[in-house]
Amino acid sequence: MIDVGNGEYRGTAAVIDKDFASSLLAREVKADLFLIATAVEKVAINFGKPNQQWLDKITMAEAKQYLAEGTHFAKGSMAPKIQAVLRFLEAGGKHAIITNPENIGRALRGETGTHIVRK
């Protein structure tokens, strides 16, 4: 809301990113595990290219490197998810998983998904 004076307020457009909001909540409750459900079973580098590679497990440092390269994660798609995971891990979280809803159970058992850990 914008205060336009005389006790009058006007609404303003705003975007609340669900990945960042979820990461903040996970940090606030001091969760050990942060899980993001998305459209793909695993995160990939070089997504959609001949050299695409699915990622089973990566470290926080590897995630930062892939993100910094700027070519692996789309800005409106996987990049915010990776950034949200990094914020969670940097704040003391231990483990994050990115997978699709139908594979959450398998991912929690370590059978699928992309697992991102501190070290």
PDB file of N, CA and C in Angstrom:
ATOM      1  N   MET A   1       0.835  -1.169   0.000  1.00  0.00           N
ATOM      2  CA  MET A   1       0.000   0.000   0.000  1.00  0.00           C
ATOM      3  C   MET A   1       0.885   1.238   0.000  1.00  0.00           C
ATOM      4  N   ILE A   2       0.404   2.219  -0.698  1.00  0.00           N
ATOM      5  CA  ILE A   2       1.106   3.501  -0.759  1.00  0.00           C
ATOM      6  C   ILE A   2       0.245   4.542  -0.047  1.00  0.00           C
ATOM      7  N   ASP A   3       0.859   5.243   0.888  1.00  0.00           N
ATOM      8  CA  ASP A   3       0.161   6.312   1.621  1.00  0.00           C
ATOM      9  C   ASP A   3       0.170   7.551   0.733  1.00  0.00           C
ATOM     10  N   VAL A   4      -1.015   7.947   0.262  1.00  0.00           N
ATOM     11  CA  VAL A   4      -1.109   9.123  -0.605  1.00  0.00           C
ATOM     12  C   VAL A   4      -1.556  10.360   0.163  1.00  0.00           C
ATOM     13  N   GLY A   5      -1.627  10.239   1.477  1.00  0.00           N
ATOM     14  CA  GLY A   5      -1.982  11.380   2.319  1.00  0.00           C
ATOM     15  C   GLY A   5      -3.442  11.381   2.724  1.00  0.00           C
ATOM     16  N   ASN A   6      -3.754  12.182   3.734  1.00  0.00           N
ATOM     17  CA  ASN A   6      -5.117  12.329   4.242  1.00  0.00           C
ATOM     18  C   ASN A   6      -5.755  10.993   4.630  1.00  0.00           C
ATOM     19  N   GLY A   7      -4.935  10.056   5.074  1.00  0.00           N
ATOM     20  CA  GLY A   7      -5.459   8.752   5.485  1.00  0.00           C
ATOM     21  C   GLY A   7      -5.870   7.861   4.328  1.00  0.00           C
ATOM     22  N   GLU A   8      -5.520   8.261   3.111  1.00  0.00           N
ATOM     23  CA  GLU A   8      -5.877   7.469   1.935  1.00  0.00           C
ATOM     24  C   GLU A   8      -4.687   6.619   1.495  1.00  0.00           C
ATOM     25  N   TYR A   9      -4.985   5.374   1.154  1.00  0.00           N
ATOM     26  CA  TYR A   9      -3.963   4.456   0.679  1.00  0.00           C
ATOM     27  C   TYR A   9      -4.380   3.894  -0.672  1.00  0.00           C
ATOM     28  N   ARG A  10      -3.413   3.591  -1.495  1.00  0.00           N
ATOM     29  CA  ARG A  10      -3.663   2.950  -2.784  1.00  0.00           C
ATOM     30  C   ARG A  10      -2.837   1.679  -2.852  1.00  0.00           C
ATOM     31  N   GLY A  11      -3.460   0.661  -3.425  1.00  0.00           N
ATOM     32  CA  GLY A  11      -2.745  -0.603  -3.616  1.00  0.00           C
ATOM     33  C   GLY A  11      -1.682  -0.472  -4.685  1.00  0.00           C
ATOM     34  N   THR A  12      -0.715  -1.341  -4.621  1.00  0.00           N
ATOM     35  CA  THR A  12       0.346  -1.347  -5.620  1.00  0.00           C
ATOM     36  C   THR A  12       0.640  -2.794  -5.994  1.00  0.00           C
ATOM     37  N   ALA A  13       1.058  -3.000  -7.212  1.00  0.00           N
ATOM     38  CA  ALA A  13       1.387  -4.351  -7.677  1.00  0.00           C
ATOM     39  C   ALA A  13       2.639  -4.842  -6.962  1.00  0.00           C
ATOM     40  N   ALA A  14       2.616  -6.097  -6.603  1.00  0.00           N
ATOM     41  CA  ALA A  14       3.774  -6.696  -5.945  1.00  0.00           C
ATOM     42  C   ALA A  14       3.824  -8.179  -6.292  1.00  0.00           C
ATOM     43  N   VAL A  15       5.010  -8.716  -6.279  1.00  0.00           N
ATOM     44  CA  VAL A  15       5.195 -10.136  -6.547  1.00  0.00           C
ATOM     45  C   VAL A  15       5.886 -10.756  -5.344  1.00  0.00           C
ATOM     46  N   ILE A  16       5.300 -11.804  -4.818  1.00  0.00           N
ATOM     47  CA  ILE A  16       5.942 -12.558  -3.748  1.00  0.00           C
ATOM     48  C   ILE A  16       6.350 -13.892  -4.342  1.00  0.00           C
ATOM     49  N   ASP A  17       7.634 -14.103  -4.465  1.00  0.00           N
ATOM     50  CA  ASP A  17       8.126 -15.333  -5.055  1.00  0.00           C
ATOM     51  C   ASP A  17       7.926 -16.482  -4.083  1.00  0.00           C
ATOM     52  N   LYS A  18       7.245 -17.523  -4.526  1.00  0.00           N
ATOM     53  CA  LYS A  18       6.924 -18.655  -3.647  1.00  0.00           C
ATOM     54  C   LYS A  18       8.170 -19.394  -3.171  1.00  0.00           C
ATOM     55  N   ASP A  19       9.199 -19.464  -3.996  1.00  0.00           N
ATOM     56  CA  ASP A  19      10.421 -20.158  -3.583  1.00  0.00           C
ATOM     57  C   ASP A  19      11.148 -19.389  -2.491  1.00  0.00           C
ATOM     58  N   PHE A  20      11.250 -18.069  -2.652  1.00  0.00           N
ATOM     59  CA  PHE A  20      11.921 -17.255  -1.640  1.00  0.00           C
ATOM     60  C   PHE A  20      11.108 -17.214  -0.349  1.00  0.00           C
ATOM     61  N   ALA A  21       9.790 -17.127  -0.479  1.00  0.00           N
ATOM     62  CA  ALA A  21       8.941 -17.117   0.712  1.00  0.00           C
ATOM     63  C   ALA A  21       9.045 -18.440   1.462  1.00  0.00           C
ATOM     64  N   SER A  22       9.066 -19.532   0.731  1.00  0.00           N
ATOM     65  CA  SER A  22       9.194 -20.855   1.356  1.00  0.00           C
ATOM     66  C   SER A  22      10.549 -21.003   2.039  1.00  0.00           C
ATOM     67  N   SER A  23      11.584 -20.496   1.384  1.00  0.00           N
ATOM     68  CA  SER A  23      12.921 -20.552   1.969  1.00  0.00           C
ATOM     69  C   SER A  23      12.974 -19.752   3.270  1.00  0.00           C
ATOM     70  N   LEU A  24      12.360 -18.575   3.267  1.00  0.00           N
ATOM     71  CA  LEU A  24      12.320 -17.749   4.474  1.00  0.00           C
ATOM     72  C   LEU A  24      11.594 -18.479   5.598  1.00  0.00           C
ATOM     73  N   LEU A  25      10.466 -19.095   5.284  1.00  0.00           N
ATOM     74  CA  LEU A  25       9.721 -19.846   6.297  1.00  0.00           C
ATOM     75  C   LEU A  25      10.562 -20.996   6.841  1.00  0.00           C
ATOM     76  N   ALA A  26      11.219 -21.734   5.958  1.00  0.00           N
ATOM     77  CA  ALA A  26      12.071 -22.848   6.399  1.00  0.00           C
ATOM     78  C   ALA A  26      13.189 -22.366   7.309  1.00  0.00           C
ATOM     79  N   ARG A  27      13.753 -21.204   6.997  1.00  0.00           N
ATOM     80  CA  ARG A  27      14.815 -20.646   7.846  1.00  0.00           C
ATOM     81  C   ARG A  27      14.252 -20.211   9.193  1.00  0.00           C
ATOM     82  N   GLU A  28      13.096 -19.580   9.179  1.00  0.00           N
ATOM     83  CA  GLU A  28      12.496 -19.080  10.418  1.00  0.00           C
ATOM     84  C   GLU A  28      12.138 -20.209  11.384  1.00  0.00           C
ATOM     85  N   VAL A  29      11.685 -21.333  10.868  1.00  0.00           N
ATOM     86  CA  VAL A  29      11.329 -22.458  11.744  1.00  0.00           C
ATOM     87  C   VAL A  29      12.528 -23.374  11.997  1.00  0.00           C
ATOM     88  N   LYS A  30      13.679 -22.984  11.429  1.00  0.00           N
ATOM     89  CA  LYS A  30      14.931 -23.730  11.601  1.00  0.00           C
ATOM     90  C   LYS A  30      14.790 -25.188  11.153  1.00  0.00           C
ATOM     91  N   ALA A  31      14.188 -25.352   9.985  1.00  0.00           N
ATOM     92  CA  ALA A  31      14.013 -26.689   9.400  1.00  0.00           C
ATOM     93  C   ALA A  31      15.371 -27.266   9.023  1.00  0.00           C
ATOM     94  N   ASP A  32      15.507 -28.565   9.149  1.00  0.00           N
ATOM     95  CA  ASP A  32      16.717 -29.248   8.696  1.00  0.00           C
ATOM     96  C   ASP A  32      16.657 -29.515   7.197  1.00  0.00           C
ATOM     97  N   LEU A  33      15.443 -29.740   6.690  1.00  0.00           N
ATOM     98  CA  LEU A  33      15.236 -30.099   5.291  1.00  0.00           C
ATOM     99  C   LEU A  33      14.298 -29.095   4.632  1.00  0.00           C
ATOM    100  N   PHE A  34      14.666 -28.658   3.435  1.00  0.00           N
ATOM    101  CA  PHE A  34      13.841 -27.768   2.617  1.00  0.00           C
ATOM    102  C   PHE A  34      13.568 -28.476   1.311  1.00  0.00           C
ATOM    103  N   LEU A  35      12.304 -28.728   1.006  1.00  0.00           N
ATOM    104  CA  LEU A  35      11.939 -29.438  -0.216  1.00  0.00           C
ATOM    105  C   LEU A  35      11.128 -28.510  -1.118  1.00  0.00           C
ATOM    106  N   ILE A  36      11.539 -28.430  -2.367  1.00  0.00           N
ATOM    107  CA  ILE A  36      10.803 -27.663  -3.367  1.00  0.00           C
ATOM    108  C   ILE A  36      10.214 -28.647  -4.365  1.00  0.00           C
ATOM    109  N   ALA A  37       8.898 -28.613  -4.511  1.00  0.00           N
ATOM    110  CA  ALA A  37       8.217 -29.426  -5.510  1.00  0.00           C
ATOM    111  C   ALA A  37       8.046 -28.588  -6.769  1.00  0.00           C
ATOM    112  N   THR A  38       8.425 -29.153  -7.897  1.00  0.00           N
ATOM    113  CA  THR A  38       8.389 -28.421  -9.160  1.00  0.00           C
ATOM    114  C   THR A  38       7.991 -29.371 -10.288  1.00  0.00           C
ATOM    115  N   ALA A  39       8.147 -28.952 -11.516  1.00  0.00           N
ATOM    116  CA  ALA A  39       7.665 -29.722 -12.668  1.00  0.00           C
ATOM    117  C   ALA A  39       8.595 -30.844 -13.113  1.00  0.00           C
ATOM    118  N   VAL A  40       9.814 -30.876 -12.609  1.00  0.00           N
ATOM    119  CA  VAL A  40      10.768 -31.893 -13.057  1.00  0.00           C
ATOM    120  C   VAL A  40      11.244 -32.754 -11.890  1.00  0.00           C
ATOM    121  N   GLU A  41      11.594 -33.997 -12.209  1.00  0.00           N
ATOM    122  CA  GLU A  41      12.037 -34.938 -11.183  1.00  0.00           C
ATOM    123  C   GLU A  41      13.385 -34.548 -10.584  1.00  0.00           C
ATOM    124  N   LYS A  42      14.259 -33.982 -11.428  1.00  0.00           N
ATOM    125  CA  LYS A  42      15.597 -33.577 -10.995  1.00  0.00           C
ATOM    126  C   LYS A  42      15.974 -32.275 -11.690  1.00  0.00           C
ATOM    127  N   VAL A  43      16.927 -31.583 -11.112  1.00  0.00           N
ATOM    128  CA  VAL A  43      17.510 -30.387 -11.718  1.00  0.00           C
ATOM    129  C   VAL A  43      18.528 -30.850 -12.757  1.00  0.00           C
ATOM    130  N   ALA A  44      18.642 -30.095 -13.834  1.00  0.00           N
ATOM    131  CA  ALA A  44      19.633 -30.410 -14.867  1.00  0.00           C
ATOM    132  C   ALA A  44      20.466 -29.183 -15.168  1.00  0.00           C
ATOM    133  N   ILE A  45      21.711 -29.420 -15.535  1.00  0.00           N
ATOM    134  CA  ILE A  45      22.511 -28.357 -16.135  1.00  0.00           C
ATOM    135  C   ILE A  45      22.428 -28.571 -17.635  1.00  0.00           C
ATOM    136  N   ASN A  46      22.588 -27.501 -18.372  1.00  0.00           N
ATOM    137  CA  ASN A  46      22.464 -27.545 -19.835  1.00  0.00           C
ATOM    138  C   ASN A  46      21.110 -28.098 -20.254  1.00  0.00           C
ATOM    139  N   PHE A  47      20.064 -27.712 -19.526  1.00  0.00           N
ATOM    140  CA  PHE A  47      18.717 -28.243 -19.752  1.00  0.00           C
ATOM    141  C   PHE A  47      18.280 -28.042 -21.202  1.00  0.00           C
ATOM    142  N   GLY A  48      17.786 -29.123 -21.813  1.00  0.00           N
ATOM    143  CA  GLY A  48      17.278 -29.076 -23.173  1.00  0.00           C
ATOM    144  C   GLY A  48      18.336 -29.068 -24.253  1.00  0.00           C
ATOM    145  N   LYS A  49      19.598 -29.186 -23.857  1.00  0.00           N
ATOM    146  CA  LYS A  49      20.700 -29.184 -24.826  1.00  0.00           C
ATOM    147  C   LYS A  49      21.248 -30.600 -24.965  1.00  0.00           C
ATOM    148  N   PRO A  50      22.005 -30.875 -26.014  1.00  0.00           N
ATOM    149  CA  PRO A  50      22.543 -32.233 -26.191  1.00  0.00           C
ATOM    150  C   PRO A  50      23.409 -32.707 -25.020  1.00  0.00           C
ATOM    151  N   ASN A  51      24.044 -31.777 -24.328  1.00  0.00           N
ATOM    152  CA  ASN A  51      24.912 -32.144 -23.200  1.00  0.00           C
ATOM    153  C   ASN A  51      24.206 -31.996 -21.847  1.00  0.00           C
ATOM    154  N   GLN A  52      22.864 -32.072 -21.877  1.00  0.00           N
ATOM    155  CA  GLN A  52      22.094 -31.985 -20.623  1.00  0.00           C
ATOM    156  C   GLN A  52      22.555 -33.066 -19.649  1.00  0.00           C
ATOM    157  N   GLN A  53      22.632 -32.688 -18.373  1.00  0.00           N
ATOM    158  CA  GLN A  53      23.057 -33.623 -17.334  1.00  0.00           C
ATOM    159  C   GLN A  53      22.165 -33.459 -16.113  1.00  0.00           C
ATOM    160  N   TRP A  54      21.479 -34.536 -15.738  1.00  0.00           N
ATOM    161  CA  TRP A  54      20.638 -34.528 -14.540  1.00  0.00           C
ATOM    162  C   TRP A  54      21.533 -34.568 -13.318  1.00  0.00           C
ATOM    163  N   LEU A  55      21.165 -33.826 -12.290  1.00  0.00           N
ATOM    164  CA  LEU A  55      21.971 -33.753 -11.071  1.00  0.00           C
ATOM    165  C   LEU A  55      21.288 -34.517  -9.943  1.00  0.00           C
ATOM    166  N   ASP A  56      21.978 -35.522  -9.421  1.00  0.00           N
ATOM    167  CA  ASP A  56      21.455 -36.307  -8.298  1.00  0.00           C
ATOM    168  C   ASP A  56      21.777 -35.636  -6.971  1.00  0.00           C
ATOM    169  N   LYS A  57      23.043 -35.239  -6.806  1.00  0.00           N
ATOM    170  CA  LYS A  57      23.479 -34.622  -5.557  1.00  0.00           C
ATOM    171  C   LYS A  57      24.568 -33.612  -5.883  1.00  0.00           C
ATOM    172  N   ILE A  58      24.408 -32.404  -5.346  1.00  0.00           N
ATOM    173  CA  ILE A  58      25.427 -31.373  -5.509  1.00  0.00           C
ATOM    174  C   ILE A  58      25.622 -30.659  -4.176  1.00  0.00           C
ATOM    175  N   THR A  59      26.762 -30.031  -4.057  1.00  0.00           N
ATOM    176  CA  THR A  59      27.042 -29.252  -2.860  1.00  0.00           C
ATOM    177  C   THR A  59      26.586 -27.811  -3.077  1.00  0.00           C
ATOM    178  N   MET A  60      26.541 -27.087  -1.994  1.00  0.00           N
ATOM    179  CA  MET A  60      26.206 -25.669  -2.041  1.00  0.00           C
ATOM    180  C   MET A  60      27.188 -24.938  -2.962  1.00  0.00           C
ATOM    181  N   ALA A  61      28.464 -25.277  -2.880  1.00  0.00           N
ATOM    182  CA  ALA A  61      29.485 -24.624  -3.715  1.00  0.00           C
ATOM    183  C   ALA A  61      29.240 -24.906  -5.198  1.00  0.00           C
ATOM    184  N   GLU A  62      28.874 -26.130  -5.518  1.00  0.00           N
ATOM    185  CA  GLU A  62      28.588 -26.465  -6.916  1.00  0.00           C
ATOM    186  C   GLU A  62      27.353 -25.714  -7.410  1.00  0.00           C
ATOM    187  N   ALA A  63      26.331 -25.633  -6.578  1.00  0.00           N
ATOM    188  CA  ALA A  63      25.111 -24.908  -6.955  1.00  0.00           C
ATOM    189  C   ALA A  63      25.440 -23.439  -7.218  1.00  0.00           C
ATOM    190  N   LYS A  64      26.273 -22.845  -6.361  1.00  0.00           N
ATOM    191  CA  LYS A  64      26.673 -21.447  -6.550  1.00  0.00           C
ATOM    192  C   LYS A  64      27.432 -21.274  -7.866  1.00  0.00           C
ATOM    193  N   GLN A  65      28.307 -22.222  -8.163  1.00  0.00           N
ATOM    194  CA  GLN A  65      29.096 -22.144  -9.398  1.00  0.00           C
ATOM    195  C   GLN A  65      28.191 -22.229 -10.626  1.00  0.00           C
ATOM    196  N   TYR A  66      27.278 -23.201 -10.638  1.00  0.00           N
ATOM    197  CA  TYR A  66      26.357 -23.334 -11.775  1.00  0.00           C
ATOM    198  C   TYR A  66      25.507 -22.076 -11.928  1.00  0.00           C
ATOM    199  N   LEU A  67      25.048 -21.533 -10.825  1.00  0.00           N
ATOM    200  CA  LEU A  67      24.223 -20.326 -10.856  1.00  0.00           C
ATOM    201  C   LEU A  67      25.027 -19.149 -11.400  1.00  0.00           C
ATOM    202  N   ALA A  68      26.269 -19.006 -10.941  1.00  0.00           N
ATOM    203  CA  ALA A  68      27.129 -17.903 -11.369  1.00  0.00           C
ATOM    204  C   ALA A  68      27.463 -17.980 -12.860  1.00  0.00           C
ATOM    205  N   GLU A  69      27.532 -19.183 -13.395  1.00  0.00           N
ATOM    206  CA  GLU A  69      27.832 -19.330 -14.824  1.00  0.00           C
ATOM    207  C   GLU A  69      26.727 -18.731 -15.686  1.00  0.00           C
ATOM    208  N   GLY A  70      25.523 -18.654 -15.136  1.00  0.00           N
ATOM    209  CA  GLY A  70      24.434 -17.957 -15.803  1.00  0.00           C
ATOM    210  C   GLY A  70      23.802 -18.640 -16.996  1.00  0.00           C
ATOM    211  N   THR A  71      24.206 -19.859 -17.286  1.00  0.00           N
ATOM    212  CA  THR A  71      23.661 -20.545 -18.467  1.00  0.00           C
ATOM    213  C   THR A  71      22.875 -21.805 -18.128  1.00  0.00           C
ATOM    214  N   HIS A  72      22.921 -22.227 -16.890  1.00  0.00           N
ATOM    215  CA  HIS A  72      22.322 -23.515 -16.537  1.00  0.00           C
ATOM    216  C   HIS A  72      20.880 -23.423 -16.052  1.00  0.00           C
ATOM    217  N   PHE A  73      20.547 -22.371 -15.337  1.00  0.00           N
ATOM    218  CA  PHE A  73      19.234 -22.268 -14.708  1.00  0.00           C
ATOM    219  C   PHE A  73      18.504 -21.035 -15.218  1.00  0.00           C
ATOM    220  N   ALA A  74      17.322 -21.246 -15.790  1.00  0.00           N
ATOM    221  CA  ALA A  74      16.536 -20.148 -16.345  1.00  0.00           C
ATOM    222  C   ALA A  74      16.111 -19.190 -15.233  1.00  0.00           C
ATOM    223  N   LYS A  75      16.136 -17.902 -15.523  1.00  0.00           N
ATOM    224  CA  LYS A  75      15.840 -16.871 -14.522  1.00  0.00           C
ATOM    225  C   LYS A  75      14.439 -16.981 -13.936  1.00  0.00           C
ATOM    226  N   GLY A  76      13.454 -17.292 -14.713  1.00  0.00           N
ATOM    227  CA  GLY A  76      12.093 -17.372 -14.198  1.00  0.00           C
ATOM    228  C   GLY A  76      11.663 -18.771 -13.836  1.00  0.00           C
ATOM    229  N   SER A  77      12.599 -19.698 -13.822  1.00  0.00           N
ATOM    230  CA  SER A  77      12.242 -21.093 -13.607  1.00  0.00           C
ATOM    231  C   SER A  77      13.093 -21.732 -12.506  1.00  0.00           C
ATOM    232  N   MET A  78      14.237 -22.279 -12.868  1.00  0.00           N
ATOM    233  CA  MET A  78      15.058 -22.999 -11.889  1.00  0.00           C
ATOM    234  C   MET A  78      15.974 -22.079 -11.084  1.00  0.00           C
ATOM    235  N   ALA A  79      16.395 -20.956 -11.635  1.00  0.00           N
ATOM    236  CA  ALA A  79      17.309 -20.056 -10.903  1.00  0.00           C
ATOM    237  C   ALA A  79      16.746 -19.623  -9.555  1.00  0.00           C
ATOM    238  N   PRO A  80      15.482 -19.180  -9.464  1.00  0.00           N
ATOM    239  CA  PRO A  80      14.971 -18.788  -8.148  1.00  0.00           C
ATOM    240  C   PRO A  80      14.915 -19.955  -7.159  1.00  0.00           C
ATOM    241  N   LYS A  81      14.697 -21.150  -7.652  1.00  0.00           N
ATOM    242  CA  LYS A  81      14.672 -22.319  -6.771  1.00  0.00           C
ATOM    243  C   LYS A  81      16.059 -22.568  -6.189  1.00  0.00           C
ATOM    244  N   ILE A  82      17.073 -22.495  -7.041  1.00  0.00           N
ATOM    245  CA  ILE A  82      18.455 -22.681  -6.578  1.00  0.00           C
ATOM    246  C   ILE A  82      18.837 -21.559  -5.617  1.00  0.00           C
ATOM    247  N   GLN A  83      18.456 -20.322  -5.922  1.00  0.00           N
ATOM    248  CA  GLN A  83      18.757 -19.206  -5.022  1.00  0.00           C
ATOM    249  C   GLN A  83      18.071 -19.394  -3.670  1.00  0.00           C
ATOM    250  N   ALA A  84      16.840 -19.860  -3.676  1.00  0.00           N
ATOM    251  CA  ALA A  84      16.104 -20.094  -2.422  1.00  0.00           C
ATOM    252  C   ALA A  84      16.783 -21.181  -1.606  1.00  0.00           C
ATOM    253  N   VAL A  85      17.225 -22.240  -2.275  1.00  0.00           N
ATOM    254  CA  VAL A  85      17.938 -23.322  -1.585  1.00  0.00           C
ATOM    255  C   VAL A  85      19.233 -22.787  -0.982  1.00  0.00           C
ATOM    256  N   LEU A  86      19.965 -21.993  -1.737  1.00  0.00           N
ATOM    257  CA  LEU A  86      21.227 -21.449  -1.224  1.00  0.00           C
ATOM    258  C   LEU A  86      21.007 -20.580   0.002  1.00  0.00           C
ATOM    259  N   ARG A  87      19.969 -19.758  -0.019  1.00  0.00           N
ATOM    260  CA  ARG A  87      19.665 -18.931   1.164  1.00  0.00           C
ATOM    261  C   ARG A  87      19.373 -19.812   2.376  1.00  0.00           C
ATOM    262  N   PHE A  88      18.638 -20.887   2.156  1.00  0.00           N
ATOM    263  CA  PHE A  88      18.320 -21.817   3.238  1.00  0.00           C
ATOM    264  C   PHE A  88      19.592 -22.455   3.795  1.00  0.00           C
ATOM    265  N   LEU A  89      20.444 -22.966   2.921  1.00  0.00           N
ATOM    266  CA  LEU A  89      21.673 -23.632   3.371  1.00  0.00           C
ATOM    267  C   LEU A  89      22.641 -22.647   4.022  1.00  0.00           C
ATOM    268  N   GLU A  90      22.757 -21.451   3.463  1.00  0.00           N
ATOM    269  CA  GLU A  90      23.658 -20.446   4.040  1.00  0.00           C
ATOM    270  C   GLU A  90      23.216 -20.028   5.435  1.00  0.00           C
ATOM    271  N   ALA A  91      21.934 -20.148   5.723  1.00  0.00           N
ATOM    272  CA  ALA A  91      21.398 -19.775   7.037  1.00  0.00           C
ATOM    273  C   ALA A  91      21.471 -20.931   8.032  1.00  0.00           C
ATOM    274  N   GLY A  92      22.076 -22.029   7.633  1.00  0.00           N
ATOM    275  CA  GLY A  92      22.261 -23.143   8.558  1.00  0.00           C
ATOM    276  C   GLY A  92      21.474 -24.393   8.230  1.00  0.00           C
ATOM    277  N   GLY A  93      20.618 -24.351   7.212  1.00  0.00           N
ATOM    278  CA  GLY A  93      19.901 -25.552   6.797  1.00  0.00           C
ATOM    279  C   GLY A  93      20.883 -26.635   6.383  1.00  0.00           C
ATOM    280  N   LYS A  94      20.465 -27.874   6.511  1.00  0.00           N
ATOM    281  CA  LYS A  94      21.393 -28.973   6.250  1.00  0.00           C
ATOM    282  C   LYS A  94      21.231 -29.611   4.882  1.00  0.00           C
ATOM    283  N   HIS A  95      19.997 -29.627   4.358  1.00  0.00           N
ATOM    284  CA  HIS A  95      19.731 -30.442   3.184  1.00  0.00           C
ATOM    285  C   HIS A  95      18.517 -29.874   2.454  1.00  0.00           C
ATOM    286  N   ALA A  96      18.599 -29.830   1.145  1.00  0.00           N
ATOM    287  CA  ALA A  96      17.461 -29.406   0.328  1.00  0.00           C
ATOM    288  C   ALA A  96      17.263 -30.412  -0.794  1.00  0.00           C
ATOM    289  N   ILE A  97      16.016 -30.559  -1.200  1.00  0.00           N
ATOM    290  CA  ILE A  97      15.671 -31.458  -2.298  1.00  0.00           C
ATOM    291  C   ILE A  97      14.779 -30.694  -3.267  1.00  0.00           C
ATOM    292  N   ILE A  98      15.053 -30.876  -4.550  1.00  0.00           N
ATOM    293  CA  ILE A  98      14.173 -30.360  -5.595  1.00  0.00           C
ATOM    294  C   ILE A  98      13.702 -31.556  -6.408  1.00  0.00           C
ATOM    295  N   THR A  99      12.378 -31.715  -6.505  1.00  0.00           N
ATOM    296  CA  THR A  99      11.798 -32.819  -7.270  1.00  0.00           C
ATOM    297  C   THR A  99      10.366 -32.474  -7.635  1.00  0.00           C
ATOM    298  N   ASN A 100       9.718 -33.366  -8.354  1.00  0.00           N
ATOM    299  CA  ASN A 100       8.316 -33.141  -8.694  1.00  0.00           C
ATOM    300  C   ASN A 100       7.407 -33.786  -7.648  1.00  0.00           C
ATOM    301  N   PRO A 101       6.147 -33.344  -7.558  1.00  0.00           N
ATOM    302  CA  PRO A 101       5.255 -33.835  -6.502  1.00  0.00           C
ATOM    303  C   PRO A 101       5.094 -35.353  -6.468  1.00  0.00           C
ATOM    304  N   GLU A 102       4.993 -35.975  -7.628  1.00  0.00           N
ATOM    305  CA  GLU A 102       4.778 -37.424  -7.645  1.00  0.00           C
ATOM    306  C   GLU A 102       5.970 -38.233  -7.158  1.00  0.00           C
ATOM    307  N   ASN A 103       7.129 -37.607  -7.006  1.00  0.00           N
ATOM    308  CA  ASN A 103       8.321 -38.319  -6.544  1.00  0.00           C
ATOM    309  C   ASN A 103       8.818 -37.862  -5.179  1.00  0.00           C
ATOM    310  N   ILE A 104       8.020 -37.109  -4.451  1.00  0.00           N
ATOM    311  CA  ILE A 104       8.471 -36.630  -3.136  1.00  0.00           C
ATOM    312  C   ILE A 104       8.836 -37.780  -2.212  1.00  0.00           C
ATOM    313  N   GLY A 105       7.999 -38.799  -2.118  1.00  0.00           N
ATOM    314  CA  GLY A 105       8.300 -39.944  -1.251  1.00  0.00           C
ATOM    315  C   GLY A 105       9.613 -40.607  -1.623  1.00  0.00           C
ATOM    316  N   ARG A 106       9.810 -40.857  -2.904  1.00  0.00           N
ATOM    317  CA  ARG A 106      11.064 -41.469  -3.369  1.00  0.00           C
ATOM    318  C   ARG A 106      12.257 -40.558  -3.091  1.00  0.00           C
ATOM    319  N   ALA A 107      12.064 -39.255  -3.281  1.00  0.00           N
ATOM    320  CA  ALA A 107      13.157 -38.302  -3.036  1.00  0.00           C
ATOM    321  C   ALA A 107      13.536 -38.281  -1.560  1.00  0.00           C
ATOM    322  N   LEU A 108      12.545 -38.342  -0.692  1.00  0.00           N
ATOM    323  CA  LEU A 108      12.826 -38.370   0.747  1.00  0.00           C
ATOM    324  C   LEU A 108      13.579 -39.634   1.150  1.00  0.00           C
ATOM    325  N   ARG A 109      13.393 -40.709   0.390  1.00  0.00           N
ATOM    326  CA  ARG A 109      14.136 -41.959   0.642  1.00  0.00           C
ATOM    327  C   ARG A 109      15.496 -41.959  -0.049  1.00  0.00           C
ATOM    328  N   GLY A 110      15.803 -40.885  -0.782  1.00  0.00           N
ATOM    329  CA  GLY A 110      17.093 -40.783  -1.467  1.00  0.00           C
ATOM    330  C   GLY A 110      17.143 -41.470  -2.809  1.00  0.00           C
ATOM    331  N   GLU A 111      16.000 -41.849  -3.348  1.00  0.00           N
ATOM    332  CA  GLU A 111      15.959 -42.592  -4.610  1.00  0.00           C
ATOM    333  C   GLU A 111      15.933 -41.705  -5.843  1.00  0.00           C
ATOM    334  N   THR A 112      15.568 -40.454  -5.709  1.00  0.00           N
ATOM    335  CA  THR A 112      15.479 -39.547  -6.844  1.00  0.00           C
ATOM    336  C   THR A 112      15.530 -38.114  -6.359  1.00  0.00           C
ATOM    337  N   GLY A 113      15.288 -37.184  -7.256  1.00  0.00           N
ATOM    338  CA  GLY A 113      15.355 -35.769  -6.910  1.00  0.00           C
ATOM    339  C   GLY A 113      16.798 -35.286  -6.950  1.00  0.00           C
ATOM    340  N   THR A 114      16.933 -33.981  -6.873  1.00  0.00           N
ATOM    341  CA  THR A 114      18.263 -33.382  -6.742  1.00  0.00           C
ATOM    342  C   THR A 114      18.435 -32.982  -5.296  1.00  0.00           C
ATOM    343  N   HIS A 115      19.458 -33.529  -4.664  1.00  0.00           N
ATOM    344  CA  HIS A 115      19.771 -33.268  -3.260  1.00  0.00           C
ATOM    345  C   HIS A 115      20.918 -32.267  -3.214  1.00  0.00           C
ATOM    346  N   ILE A 116      20.702 -31.190  -2.485  1.00  0.00           N
ATOM    347  CA  ILE A 116      21.722 -30.155  -2.358  1.00  0.00           C
ATOM    348  C   ILE A 116      22.100 -30.057  -0.892  1.00  0.00           C
ATOM    349  N   VAL A 117      23.384 -30.199  -0.624  1.00  0.00           N
ATOM    350  CA  VAL A 117      23.886 -30.233   0.753  1.00  0.00           C
ATOM    351  C   VAL A 117      24.948 -29.156   0.951  1.00  0.00           C
ATOM    352  N   ARG A 118      25.208 -28.872   2.211  1.00  0.00           N
ATOM    353  CA  ARG A 118      26.194 -27.832   2.536  1.00  0.00           C
ATOM    354  C   ARG A 118      27.582 -28.180   2.011  1.00  0.00           C
ATOM    355  N   LYS A 119      28.026 -29.396   2.261  1.00  0.00           N
ATOM    356  CA  LYS A 119      29.386 -29.809   1.814  1.00  0.00           C
ATOM    357  C   LYS A 119      29.318 -31.109   1.080  1.00  0.00           C
TER     358      LYS A 119
END
